[in-house]
Amino acid sequence: MQVKQLAALALPFVLVFGAAGAQAQDKPLYTVQEGYKVDANTMKGFRTWRAAACDRCHGANQEGMVGPSLVNSLKTLSKEEFVKTVTNGRLDKGMQSFGTNPTVMENIDHLYAYLKGRSDGAITRAKVEEIK
């Protein structure tokens, strides 16, 4: 079979990703269809992104403004470093702390999944929809 035929066969499938393929519970970090349709938990991450107004510093497409590009940062930042940064902030760099924000803290895993999906290139646009 030729490469073009193989690529065409791969397109209809759902993309399921994780930082190392899957989390310890064998659940994917996020599920994406068509580049912008995501599972319910990843959708919660997108909603948390919007509610916390992270785009004010990191840009509407997570590609950076005053704050760094999260698309690039999450290629190397571990989940633990991400959680620490969001929880404690980096006041010396202008990053506020969200440790007392209940919406962010209750959804930090979902927020990470959404941003990791953007960074991995599986989520191809910033605004997503929930898989129906």
C-alpha atoms as a PDB file:
ATOM      1  CA  MET A   1       0.000   0.000   0.000  1.00  0.00           C
ATOM      2  CA  GLN A   2       1.304   3.451  -0.848  1.00  0.00           C
ATOM      3  CA  VAL A   3       1.972   6.129   1.749  1.00  0.00           C
ATOM      4  CA  LYS A   4      -0.879   8.347   0.473  1.00  0.00           C
ATOM      5  CA  GLN A   5      -3.318   5.463   0.837  1.00  0.00           C
ATOM      6  CA  LEU A   6      -2.125   4.778   4.384  1.00  0.00           C
ATOM      7  CA  ALA A   7      -2.449   8.448   5.321  1.00  0.00           C
ATOM      8  CA  ALA A   8      -5.991   8.563   3.952  1.00  0.00           C
ATOM      9  CA  LEU A   9      -6.925   5.521   6.036  1.00  0.00           C
ATOM     10  CA  ALA A  10      -5.542   7.098   9.222  1.00  0.00           C
ATOM     11  CA  LEU A  11      -7.541  10.348   9.011  1.00  0.00           C
ATOM     12  CA  PRO A  12     -10.951   9.098  10.236  1.00  0.00           C
ATOM     13  CA  PHE A  13      -9.569   7.655  13.466  1.00  0.00           C
ATOM     14  CA  VAL A  14      -9.797   9.350  16.837  1.00  0.00           C
ATOM     15  CA  LEU A  15      -6.504  10.652  18.196  1.00  0.00           C
ATOM     16  CA  VAL A  16      -5.866   9.620  21.776  1.00  0.00           C
ATOM     17  CA  PHE A  17      -2.757  11.047  23.382  1.00  0.00           C
ATOM     18  CA  GLY A  18      -0.986  11.430  26.661  1.00  0.00           C
ATOM     19  CA  ALA A  19       2.354  12.696  27.842  1.00  0.00           C
ATOM     20  CA  ALA A  20       3.769   9.178  27.570  1.00  0.00           C
ATOM     21  CA  GLY A  21       0.903   7.583  25.666  1.00  0.00           C
ATOM     22  CA  ALA A  22      -1.345   7.043  28.676  1.00  0.00           C
ATOM     23  CA  GLN A  23      -1.614   7.940  32.316  1.00  0.00           C
ATOM     24  CA  ALA A  24      -1.070   5.492  35.136  1.00  0.00           C
ATOM     25  CA  GLN A  25      -4.780   4.560  35.103  1.00  0.00           C
ATOM     26  CA  ASP A  26      -4.495   3.659  31.385  1.00  0.00           C
ATOM     27  CA  LYS A  27      -6.756   6.583  30.565  1.00  0.00           C
ATOM     28  CA  PRO A  28      -5.624   8.940  27.830  1.00  0.00           C
ATOM     29  CA  LEU A  29      -4.690  12.450  28.820  1.00  0.00           C
ATOM     30  CA  TYR A  30      -7.028  13.762  26.125  1.00  0.00           C
ATOM     31  CA  THR A  31      -9.058  12.542  23.167  1.00  0.00           C
ATOM     32  CA  VAL A  32      -9.373  14.601  19.984  1.00  0.00           C
ATOM     33  CA  GLN A  33     -11.362  14.208  16.790  1.00  0.00           C
ATOM     34  CA  GLU A  34     -10.883  16.346  13.692  1.00  0.00           C
ATOM     35  CA  GLY A  35      -8.373  18.537  15.512  1.00  0.00           C
ATOM     36  CA  TYR A  36     -10.924  20.484  17.571  1.00  0.00           C
ATOM     37  CA  LYS A  37     -13.499  18.088  19.038  1.00  0.00           C
ATOM     38  CA  VAL A  38     -12.408  16.965  22.498  1.00  0.00           C
ATOM     39  CA  ASP A  39     -13.562  14.740  25.340  1.00  0.00           C
ATOM     40  CA  ALA A  40     -15.613  16.186  28.216  1.00  0.00           C
ATOM     41  CA  ASN A  41     -12.665  16.602  30.603  1.00  0.00           C
ATOM     42  CA  THR A  42     -10.500  18.378  28.033  1.00  0.00           C
ATOM     43  CA  MET A  43     -13.489  20.638  27.360  1.00  0.00           C
ATOM     44  CA  LYS A  44     -13.483  21.473  31.084  1.00  0.00           C
ATOM     45  CA  GLY A  45      -9.839  22.456  30.657  1.00  0.00           C
ATOM     46  CA  PHE A  46     -10.740  24.822  27.806  1.00  0.00           C
ATOM     47  CA  ARG A  47     -13.525  26.348  29.904  1.00  0.00           C
ATOM     48  CA  THR A  48     -11.103  26.797  32.803  1.00  0.00           C
ATOM     49  CA  TRP A  49      -8.657  28.525  30.432  1.00  0.00           C
ATOM     50  CA  ARG A  50     -11.410  30.931  29.441  1.00  0.00           C
ATOM     51  CA  ALA A  51     -12.737  31.472  32.989  1.00  0.00           C
ATOM     52  CA  ALA A  52      -9.267  32.309  34.341  1.00  0.00           C
ATOM     53  CA  ALA A  53      -8.647  34.657  31.385  1.00  0.00           C
ATOM     54  CA  CYS A  54      -5.239  33.113  30.733  1.00  0.00           C
ATOM     55  CA  ASP A  55      -5.379  34.532  27.217  1.00  0.00           C
ATOM     56  CA  ARG A  56      -4.710  38.020  28.622  1.00  0.00           C
ATOM     57  CA  CYS A  57      -1.053  37.095  28.963  1.00  0.00           C
ATOM     58  CA  HIS A  58      -0.573  33.901  26.953  1.00  0.00           C
ATOM     59  CA  GLY A  59      -2.644  34.924  23.922  1.00  0.00           C
ATOM     60  CA  ALA A  60      -5.913  33.617  22.534  1.00  0.00           C
ATOM     61  CA  ASN A  61      -4.065  30.797  20.741  1.00  0.00           C
ATOM     62  CA  GLN A  62      -1.693  30.041  23.643  1.00  0.00           C
ATOM     63  CA  GLU A  63       1.205  31.285  21.481  1.00  0.00           C
ATOM     64  CA  GLY A  64       2.315  33.984  23.896  1.00  0.00           C
ATOM     65  CA  MET A  65       1.997  37.735  24.387  1.00  0.00           C
ATOM     66  CA  VAL A  66       3.249  39.237  27.633  1.00  0.00           C
ATOM     67  CA  GLY A  67       3.549  35.689  28.968  1.00  0.00           C
ATOM     68  CA  PRO A  68       5.342  32.897  27.121  1.00  0.00           C
ATOM     69  CA  SER A  69       3.900  30.609  24.480  1.00  0.00           C
ATOM     70  CA  LEU A  70       2.328  27.656  26.244  1.00  0.00           C
ATOM     71  CA  VAL A  71       2.333  25.750  22.973  1.00  0.00           C
ATOM     72  CA  ASN A  72       6.140  25.831  23.211  1.00  0.00           C
ATOM     73  CA  SER A  73       6.509  25.690  27.005  1.00  0.00           C
ATOM     74  CA  LEU A  74       4.483  22.517  27.441  1.00  0.00           C
ATOM     75  CA  LYS A  75       6.792  20.673  25.075  1.00  0.00           C
ATOM     76  CA  THR A  76       9.382  20.617  27.885  1.00  0.00           C
ATOM     77  CA  LEU A  77       7.512  21.578  31.072  1.00  0.00           C
ATOM     78  CA  SER A  78       6.512  18.546  33.151  1.00  0.00           C
ATOM     79  CA  LYS A  79       3.021  18.260  34.578  1.00  0.00           C
ATOM     80  CA  GLU A  80       4.461  18.754  38.062  1.00  0.00           C
ATOM     81  CA  GLU A  81       6.196  21.978  36.970  1.00  0.00           C
ATOM     82  CA  PHE A  82       2.983  23.150  35.304  1.00  0.00           C
ATOM     83  CA  VAL A  83       0.926  22.526  38.450  1.00  0.00           C
ATOM     84  CA  LYS A  84       3.527  24.263  40.631  1.00  0.00           C
ATOM     85  CA  THR A  85       3.635  27.288  38.308  1.00  0.00           C
ATOM     86  CA  VAL A  86      -0.140  27.650  38.095  1.00  0.00           C
ATOM     87  CA  THR A  87      -0.608  27.081  41.823  1.00  0.00           C
ATOM     88  CA  ASN A  88       2.200  29.326  43.098  1.00  0.00           C
ATOM     89  CA  GLY A  89       2.689  31.668  40.162  1.00  0.00           C
ATOM     90  CA  ARG A  90       5.977  33.217  39.125  1.00  0.00           C
ATOM     91  CA  LEU A  91       5.588  36.678  40.539  1.00  0.00           C
ATOM     92  CA  ASP A  92       9.095  37.703  39.466  1.00  0.00           C
ATOM     93  CA  LYS A  93       8.023  37.057  35.853  1.00  0.00           C
ATOM     94  CA  GLY A  94       4.524  38.481  36.195  1.00  0.00           C
ATOM     95  CA  MET A  95       2.688  35.156  36.483  1.00  0.00           C
ATOM     96  CA  GLN A  96       0.008  35.397  39.122  1.00  0.00           C
ATOM     97  CA  SER A  97      -0.868  32.555  41.497  1.00  0.00           C
ATOM     98  CA  PHE A  98      -4.095  30.641  40.939  1.00  0.00           C
ATOM     99  CA  GLY A  99      -3.722  28.541  44.093  1.00  0.00           C
ATOM    100  CA  THR A 100      -6.727  30.194  45.721  1.00  0.00           C
ATOM    101  CA  ASN A 101      -8.896  30.071  42.592  1.00  0.00           C
ATOM    102  CA  PRO A 102     -11.270  27.124  43.129  1.00  0.00           C
ATOM    103  CA  THR A 103     -12.222  26.820  39.454  1.00  0.00           C
ATOM    104  CA  VAL A 104      -8.603  26.528  38.369  1.00  0.00           C
ATOM    105  CA  MET A 105      -7.525  24.231  41.177  1.00  0.00           C
ATOM    106  CA  GLU A 106     -10.496  21.872  40.748  1.00  0.00           C
ATOM    107  CA  ASN A 107      -9.770  21.612  37.022  1.00  0.00           C
ATOM    108  CA  ILE A 108      -5.981  21.818  36.912  1.00  0.00           C
ATOM    109  CA  ASP A 109      -5.636  18.315  35.417  1.00  0.00           C
ATOM    110  CA  HIS A 110      -8.171  19.192  32.719  1.00  0.00           C
ATOM    111  CA  LEU A 111      -6.434  22.509  32.035  1.00  0.00           C
ATOM    112  CA  TYR A 112      -3.137  20.679  31.649  1.00  0.00           C
ATOM    113  CA  ALA A 113      -4.745  18.162  29.271  1.00  0.00           C
ATOM    114  CA  TYR A 114      -6.178  20.944  27.087  1.00  0.00           C
ATOM    115  CA  LEU A 115      -2.896  22.853  26.932  1.00  0.00           C
ATOM    116  CA  LYS A 116      -0.854  19.684  26.405  1.00  0.00           C
ATOM    117  CA  GLY A 117      -3.141  18.783  23.507  1.00  0.00           C
ATOM    118  CA  ARG A 118      -2.466  22.195  21.991  1.00  0.00           C
ATOM    119  CA  SER A 119       1.273  21.815  22.572  1.00  0.00           C
ATOM    120  CA  ASP A 120       1.347  18.302  21.117  1.00  0.00           C
ATOM    121  CA  GLY A 121      -0.438  19.557  17.990  1.00  0.00           C
ATOM    122  CA  ALA A 122      -3.373  17.192  18.442  1.00  0.00           C
ATOM    123  CA  ILE A 123      -5.729  20.102  19.174  1.00  0.00           C
ATOM    124  CA  THR A 124      -5.224  22.252  16.109  1.00  0.00           C
ATOM    125  CA  ARG A 125      -7.204  25.329  17.106  1.00  0.00           C
ATOM    126  CA  ALA A 126      -7.641  27.135  20.389  1.00  0.00           C
ATOM    127  CA  LYS A 127     -11.445  27.043  20.459  1.00  0.00           C
ATOM    128  CA  VAL A 128     -12.696  23.505  20.852  1.00  0.00           C
ATOM    129  CA  GLU A 129     -16.034  21.703  20.937  1.00  0.00           C
ATOM    130  CA  GLU A 130     -17.045  18.689  22.958  1.00  0.00           C
ATOM    131  CA  ILE A 131     -17.297  15.356  21.146  1.00  0.00           C
ATOM    132  CA  LYS A 132     -20.985  14.456  20.884  1.00  0.00           C
END
